[in-house]
């Protein structure tokens, strides 16, 4: 539920930002704003909340996922979530390759999470809400971030090529 809510908040915040911004709405600007708010809401806010849950209320989180309580690995997962949350917050101020590094590493982690949830569904018949319900959001978060990163890269390359072409004429 948290991931789905973060997507919705990211889209709403992006729309509001684009509506109130005085900067012209180019294709690049729209994709950049959509990506920024995905980084903030999905990576930063989501990572921070997951960090809190896994580190400070681990037994409650474990039960919601269908995991046994008392595992020290929850703390480690929480610290990884916290690291992504931290990187997501920095994305507000840093762009370019920092977004690539944050988005790709977060996506690798989330795809691994999604695969892990699928394995637990098949092997253990774990249909706990935060196991079964996280397969699509974990993988969708990755696809969306990578899609926005690639779109922004392609738009930037096209603009740079067009500028170089105009400069040589």
C-alpha atoms as a PDB file:
ATOM      1  CA  UNK A   1       0.000   0.000   0.000  1.00  0.00           C
ATOM      2  CA  UNK A   2       2.863   2.344   0.822  1.00  0.00           C
ATOM      3  CA  UNK A   3       4.403   1.964  -2.638  1.00  0.00           C
ATOM      4  CA  UNK A   4       1.085   2.539  -4.419  1.00  0.00           C
ATOM      5  CA  UNK A   5       0.415   5.601  -2.270  1.00  0.00           C
ATOM      6  CA  UNK A   6       3.884   6.952  -3.000  1.00  0.00           C
ATOM      7  CA  UNK A   7       3.245   6.629  -6.779  1.00  0.00           C
ATOM      8  CA  UNK A   8      -0.014   8.524  -6.481  1.00  0.00           C
ATOM      9  CA  UNK A   9       1.581  11.244  -4.343  1.00  0.00           C
ATOM     10  CA  UNK A  10       4.472  11.499  -6.811  1.00  0.00           C
ATOM     11  CA  UNK A  11       2.098  12.007  -9.741  1.00  0.00           C
ATOM     12  CA  UNK A  12      -0.042  14.540  -7.845  1.00  0.00           C
ATOM     13  CA  UNK A  13       3.042  16.478  -6.698  1.00  0.00           C
ATOM     14  CA  UNK A  14       4.456  16.406 -10.260  1.00  0.00           C
ATOM     15  CA  UNK A  15       1.228  17.786 -11.705  1.00  0.00           C
ATOM     16  CA  UNK A  16       1.036  20.531  -9.097  1.00  0.00           C
ATOM     17  CA  UNK A  17       4.716  21.415  -9.666  1.00  0.00           C
ATOM     18  CA  UNK A  18       4.219  21.605 -13.440  1.00  0.00           C
ATOM     19  CA  UNK A  19       1.055  23.698 -13.082  1.00  0.00           C
ATOM     20  CA  UNK A  20       2.554  26.294 -10.734  1.00  0.00           C
ATOM     21  CA  UNK A  21       6.037  26.406 -12.264  1.00  0.00           C
ATOM     22  CA  UNK A  22       6.882  29.370 -14.436  1.00  0.00           C
ATOM     23  CA  UNK A  23       9.437  27.285 -16.346  1.00  0.00           C
ATOM     24  CA  UNK A  24       8.129  26.317 -19.815  1.00  0.00           C
ATOM     25  CA  UNK A  25       6.820  22.738 -20.051  1.00  0.00           C
ATOM     26  CA  UNK A  26       9.063  20.969 -22.514  1.00  0.00           C
ATOM     27  CA  UNK A  27       9.098  17.196 -22.897  1.00  0.00           C
ATOM     28  CA  UNK A  28      12.389  17.129 -21.014  1.00  0.00           C
ATOM     29  CA  UNK A  29      11.013  19.249 -18.168  1.00  0.00           C
ATOM     30  CA  UNK A  30       7.944  17.036 -17.737  1.00  0.00           C
ATOM     31  CA  UNK A  31      10.007  13.826 -17.626  1.00  0.00           C
ATOM     32  CA  UNK A  32      12.540  15.426 -15.273  1.00  0.00           C
ATOM     33  CA  UNK A  33       9.787  16.528 -12.858  1.00  0.00           C
ATOM     34  CA  UNK A  34       8.087  13.106 -12.988  1.00  0.00           C
ATOM     35  CA  UNK A  35      11.435  11.431 -12.278  1.00  0.00           C
ATOM     36  CA  UNK A  36      12.281  13.862  -9.480  1.00  0.00           C
ATOM     37  CA  UNK A  37       9.047  13.143  -7.643  1.00  0.00           C
ATOM     38  CA  UNK A  38       9.448   9.384  -8.119  1.00  0.00           C
ATOM     39  CA  UNK A  39      12.895   9.730  -6.538  1.00  0.00           C
ATOM     40  CA  UNK A  40      11.463  11.759  -3.667  1.00  0.00           C
ATOM     41  CA  UNK A  41       8.274   9.822  -2.912  1.00  0.00           C
ATOM     42  CA  UNK A  42       9.147   6.259  -3.953  1.00  0.00           C
ATOM     43  CA  UNK A  43      12.862   6.164  -3.106  1.00  0.00           C
ATOM     44  CA  UNK A  44      13.287   8.808  -0.371  1.00  0.00           C
ATOM     45  CA  UNK A  45       9.989   8.649   1.505  1.00  0.00           C
ATOM     46  CA  UNK A  46       9.468   4.930   0.841  1.00  0.00           C
ATOM     47  CA  UNK A  47      13.036   4.086   1.864  1.00  0.00           C
ATOM     48  CA  UNK A  48      12.790   6.189   5.008  1.00  0.00           C
ATOM     49  CA  UNK A  49       9.499   4.591   6.074  1.00  0.00           C
ATOM     50  CA  UNK A  50      10.787   1.071   5.299  1.00  0.00           C
ATOM     51  CA  UNK A  51      13.931   1.871   7.291  1.00  0.00           C
ATOM     52  CA  UNK A  52      11.823   2.923  10.250  1.00  0.00           C
ATOM     53  CA  UNK A  53       9.648  -0.177  10.068  1.00  0.00           C
ATOM     54  CA  UNK A  54      12.412  -2.745   9.698  1.00  0.00           C
ATOM     55  CA  UNK A  55      14.645  -1.143  12.341  1.00  0.00           C
ATOM     56  CA  UNK A  56      12.209   0.165  14.970  1.00  0.00           C
ATOM     57  CA  UNK A  57       9.129  -2.082  14.704  1.00  0.00           C
ATOM     58  CA  UNK A  58      10.635  -5.216  13.137  1.00  0.00           C
ATOM     59  CA  UNK A  59       8.262  -7.777  14.647  1.00  0.00           C
ATOM     60  CA  UNK A  60       5.193  -5.939  13.380  1.00  0.00           C
ATOM     61  CA  UNK A  61       6.739  -5.658   9.887  1.00  0.00           C
ATOM     62  CA  UNK A  62       7.853  -9.308   9.914  1.00  0.00           C
ATOM     63  CA  UNK A  63       4.312 -10.474  10.707  1.00  0.00           C
ATOM     64  CA  UNK A  64       2.853  -8.322   7.907  1.00  0.00           C
ATOM     65  CA  UNK A  65       5.258  -9.957   5.429  1.00  0.00           C
ATOM     66  CA  UNK A  66       4.785 -13.471   6.765  1.00  0.00           C
ATOM     67  CA  UNK A  67       8.336 -13.683   8.102  1.00  0.00           C
ATOM     68  CA  UNK A  68       9.365 -15.134  11.443  1.00  0.00           C
ATOM     69  CA  UNK A  69       9.938 -12.469  14.080  1.00  0.00           C
ATOM     70  CA  UNK A  70      13.268 -11.791  15.760  1.00  0.00           C
ATOM     71  CA  UNK A  71      15.523 -12.086  12.703  1.00  0.00           C
ATOM     72  CA  UNK A  72      18.657  -9.903  12.830  1.00  0.00           C
ATOM     73  CA  UNK A  73      18.448  -9.637   9.040  1.00  0.00           C
ATOM     74  CA  UNK A  74      15.524  -7.247   9.406  1.00  0.00           C
ATOM     75  CA  UNK A  75      17.933  -4.685  10.788  1.00  0.00           C
ATOM     76  CA  UNK A  76      20.178  -5.157   7.756  1.00  0.00           C
ATOM     77  CA  UNK A  77      17.261  -4.813   5.326  1.00  0.00           C
ATOM     78  CA  UNK A  78      16.217  -1.694   7.228  1.00  0.00           C
ATOM     79  CA  UNK A  79      19.684  -0.203   6.895  1.00  0.00           C
ATOM     80  CA  UNK A  80      19.627  -0.863   3.121  1.00  0.00           C
ATOM     81  CA  UNK A  81      16.205   0.804   2.942  1.00  0.00           C
ATOM     82  CA  UNK A  82      17.609   3.716   4.951  1.00  0.00           C
ATOM     83  CA  UNK A  83      20.533   4.059   2.558  1.00  0.00           C
ATOM     84  CA  UNK A  84      18.144   4.285  -0.406  1.00  0.00           C
ATOM     85  CA  UNK A  85      15.995   6.764   1.496  1.00  0.00           C
ATOM     86  CA  UNK A  86      19.072   8.897   2.123  1.00  0.00           C
ATOM     87  CA  UNK A  87      20.071   8.758  -1.560  1.00  0.00           C
ATOM     88  CA  UNK A  88      16.520   9.630  -2.603  1.00  0.00           C
ATOM     89  CA  UNK A  89      16.562  12.778  -0.463  1.00  0.00           C
ATOM     90  CA  UNK A  90      19.857  13.838  -2.028  1.00  0.00           C
ATOM     91  CA  UNK A  91      18.206  13.506  -5.473  1.00  0.00           C
ATOM     92  CA  UNK A  92      16.340  16.729  -4.699  1.00  0.00           C
ATOM     93  CA  UNK A  93      19.643  18.586  -5.026  1.00  0.00           C
ATOM     94  CA  UNK A  94      21.726  16.359  -7.304  1.00  0.00           C
ATOM     95  CA  UNK A  95      20.914  15.299 -10.864  1.00  0.00           C
ATOM     96  CA  UNK A  96      22.619  13.558 -13.781  1.00  0.00           C
ATOM     97  CA  UNK A  97      24.698  10.512 -12.970  1.00  0.00           C
ATOM     98  CA  UNK A  98      23.617  10.672  -9.322  1.00  0.00           C
ATOM     99  CA  UNK A  99      20.051   9.967 -10.425  1.00  0.00           C
ATOM    100  CA  UNK A 100      21.292   7.058 -12.544  1.00  0.00           C
ATOM    101  CA  UNK A 101      23.260   5.568  -9.656  1.00  0.00           C
ATOM    102  CA  UNK A 102      20.369   5.980  -7.221  1.00  0.00           C
ATOM    103  CA  UNK A 103      17.697   4.765  -9.641  1.00  0.00           C
ATOM    104  CA  UNK A 104      19.618   1.734 -10.888  1.00  0.00           C
ATOM    105  CA  UNK A 105      20.786   0.563  -7.470  1.00  0.00           C
ATOM    106  CA  UNK A 106      17.306   1.060  -5.982  1.00  0.00           C
ATOM    107  CA  UNK A 107      15.799  -0.813  -8.940  1.00  0.00           C
ATOM    108  CA  UNK A 108      18.247  -3.706  -8.540  1.00  0.00           C
ATOM    109  CA  UNK A 109      17.240  -3.950  -4.873  1.00  0.00           C
ATOM    110  CA  UNK A 110      13.516  -3.732  -5.657  1.00  0.00           C
ATOM    111  CA  UNK A 111      13.656  -6.330  -8.462  1.00  0.00           C
ATOM    112  CA  UNK A 112      15.445  -8.626  -6.013  1.00  0.00           C
ATOM    113  CA  UNK A 113      12.698  -7.899  -3.474  1.00  0.00           C
ATOM    114  CA  UNK A 114      10.026  -8.714  -6.041  1.00  0.00           C
ATOM    115  CA  UNK A 115      11.723 -11.994  -6.975  1.00  0.00           C
ATOM    116  CA  UNK A 116      12.053 -12.842  -3.275  1.00  0.00           C
ATOM    117  CA  UNK A 117       8.329 -12.233  -2.766  1.00  0.00           C
ATOM    118  CA  UNK A 118       7.529 -14.487  -5.742  1.00  0.00           C
ATOM    119  CA  UNK A 119       9.740 -17.256  -4.332  1.00  0.00           C
ATOM    120  CA  UNK A 120       8.014 -16.980  -0.937  1.00  0.00           C
ATOM    121  CA  UNK A 121       4.600 -17.135  -2.678  1.00  0.00           C
ATOM    122  CA  UNK A 122       5.518 -20.303  -4.588  1.00  0.00           C
ATOM    123  CA  UNK A 123       7.653 -22.161  -2.046  1.00  0.00           C
ATOM    124  CA  UNK A 124       6.021 -21.158   1.218  1.00  0.00           C
ATOM    125  CA  UNK A 125       2.514 -20.167   0.042  1.00  0.00           C
ATOM    126  CA  UNK A 126       3.125 -16.865   1.855  1.00  0.00           C
ATOM    127  CA  UNK A 127       0.092 -14.761   0.993  1.00  0.00           C
ATOM    128  CA  UNK A 128       0.626 -12.215   3.769  1.00  0.00           C
ATOM    129  CA  UNK A 129      -0.384  -8.730   2.571  1.00  0.00           C
ATOM    130  CA  UNK A 130       3.145  -7.327   2.522  1.00  0.00           C
ATOM    131  CA  UNK A 131       4.514 -10.359   0.698  1.00  0.00           C
ATOM    132  CA  UNK A 132       1.928 -11.179  -1.957  1.00  0.00           C
ATOM    133  CA  UNK A 133       0.898  -7.556  -2.317  1.00  0.00           C
ATOM    134  CA  UNK A 134       4.435  -6.316  -2.948  1.00  0.00           C
ATOM    135  CA  UNK A 135       5.365  -8.273  -6.095  1.00  0.00           C
ATOM    136  CA  UNK A 136       3.873  -5.860  -8.628  1.00  0.00           C
ATOM    137  CA  UNK A 137       4.776  -2.623  -6.781  1.00  0.00           C
ATOM    138  CA  UNK A 138       8.410  -3.682  -6.275  1.00  0.00           C
ATOM    139  CA  UNK A 139       8.900  -4.516  -9.946  1.00  0.00           C
ATOM    140  CA  UNK A 140       6.779  -1.570 -11.158  1.00  0.00           C
ATOM    141  CA  UNK A 141       8.882   0.853  -9.075  1.00  0.00           C
ATOM    142  CA  UNK A 142      11.963  -0.369 -10.915  1.00  0.00           C
ATOM    143  CA  UNK A 143      10.384  -0.263 -14.363  1.00  0.00           C
ATOM    144  CA  UNK A 144       9.064   3.241 -13.819  1.00  0.00           C
ATOM    145  CA  UNK A 145      12.350   4.643 -12.530  1.00  0.00           C
ATOM    146  CA  UNK A 146      14.397   3.013 -15.288  1.00  0.00           C
ATOM    147  CA  UNK A 147      11.851   4.128 -17.882  1.00  0.00           C
ATOM    148  CA  UNK A 148      12.045   7.757 -16.736  1.00  0.00           C
ATOM    149  CA  UNK A 149      15.860   7.642 -16.593  1.00  0.00           C
ATOM    150  CA  UNK A 150      16.079   6.269 -20.136  1.00  0.00           C
ATOM    151  CA  UNK A 151      13.468   8.748 -21.426  1.00  0.00           C
ATOM    152  CA  UNK A 152      15.326  11.685 -19.881  1.00  0.00           C
ATOM    153  CA  UNK A 153      18.620  10.422 -21.319  1.00  0.00           C
ATOM    154  CA  UNK A 154      17.161  10.053 -24.827  1.00  0.00           C
ATOM    155  CA  UNK A 155      15.489  13.467 -24.737  1.00  0.00           C
ATOM    156  CA  UNK A 156      18.723  15.069 -23.511  1.00  0.00           C
ATOM    157  CA  UNK A 157      20.755  13.369 -26.279  1.00  0.00           C
ATOM    158  CA  UNK A 158      18.262  14.519 -28.915  1.00  0.00           C
ATOM    159  CA  UNK A 159      18.381  18.099 -27.627  1.00  0.00           C
ATOM    160  CA  UNK A 160      22.183  18.067 -27.529  1.00  0.00           C
ATOM    161  CA  UNK A 161      22.357  16.693 -31.093  1.00  0.00           C
ATOM    162  CA  UNK A 162      19.912  19.350 -32.302  1.00  0.00           C
ATOM    163  CA  UNK A 163      21.948  22.091 -30.573  1.00  0.00           C
ATOM    164  CA  UNK A 164      25.183  20.819 -32.085  1.00  0.00           C
ATOM    165  CA  UNK A 165      23.560  20.707 -35.516  1.00  0.00           C
ATOM    166  CA  UNK A 166      22.337  24.311 -35.191  1.00  0.00           C
ATOM    167  CA  UNK A 167      25.763  25.435 -33.955  1.00  0.00           C
ATOM    168  CA  UNK A 168      27.526  23.981 -37.021  1.00  0.00           C
ATOM    169  CA  UNK A 169      25.186  25.642 -39.514  1.00  0.00           C
END
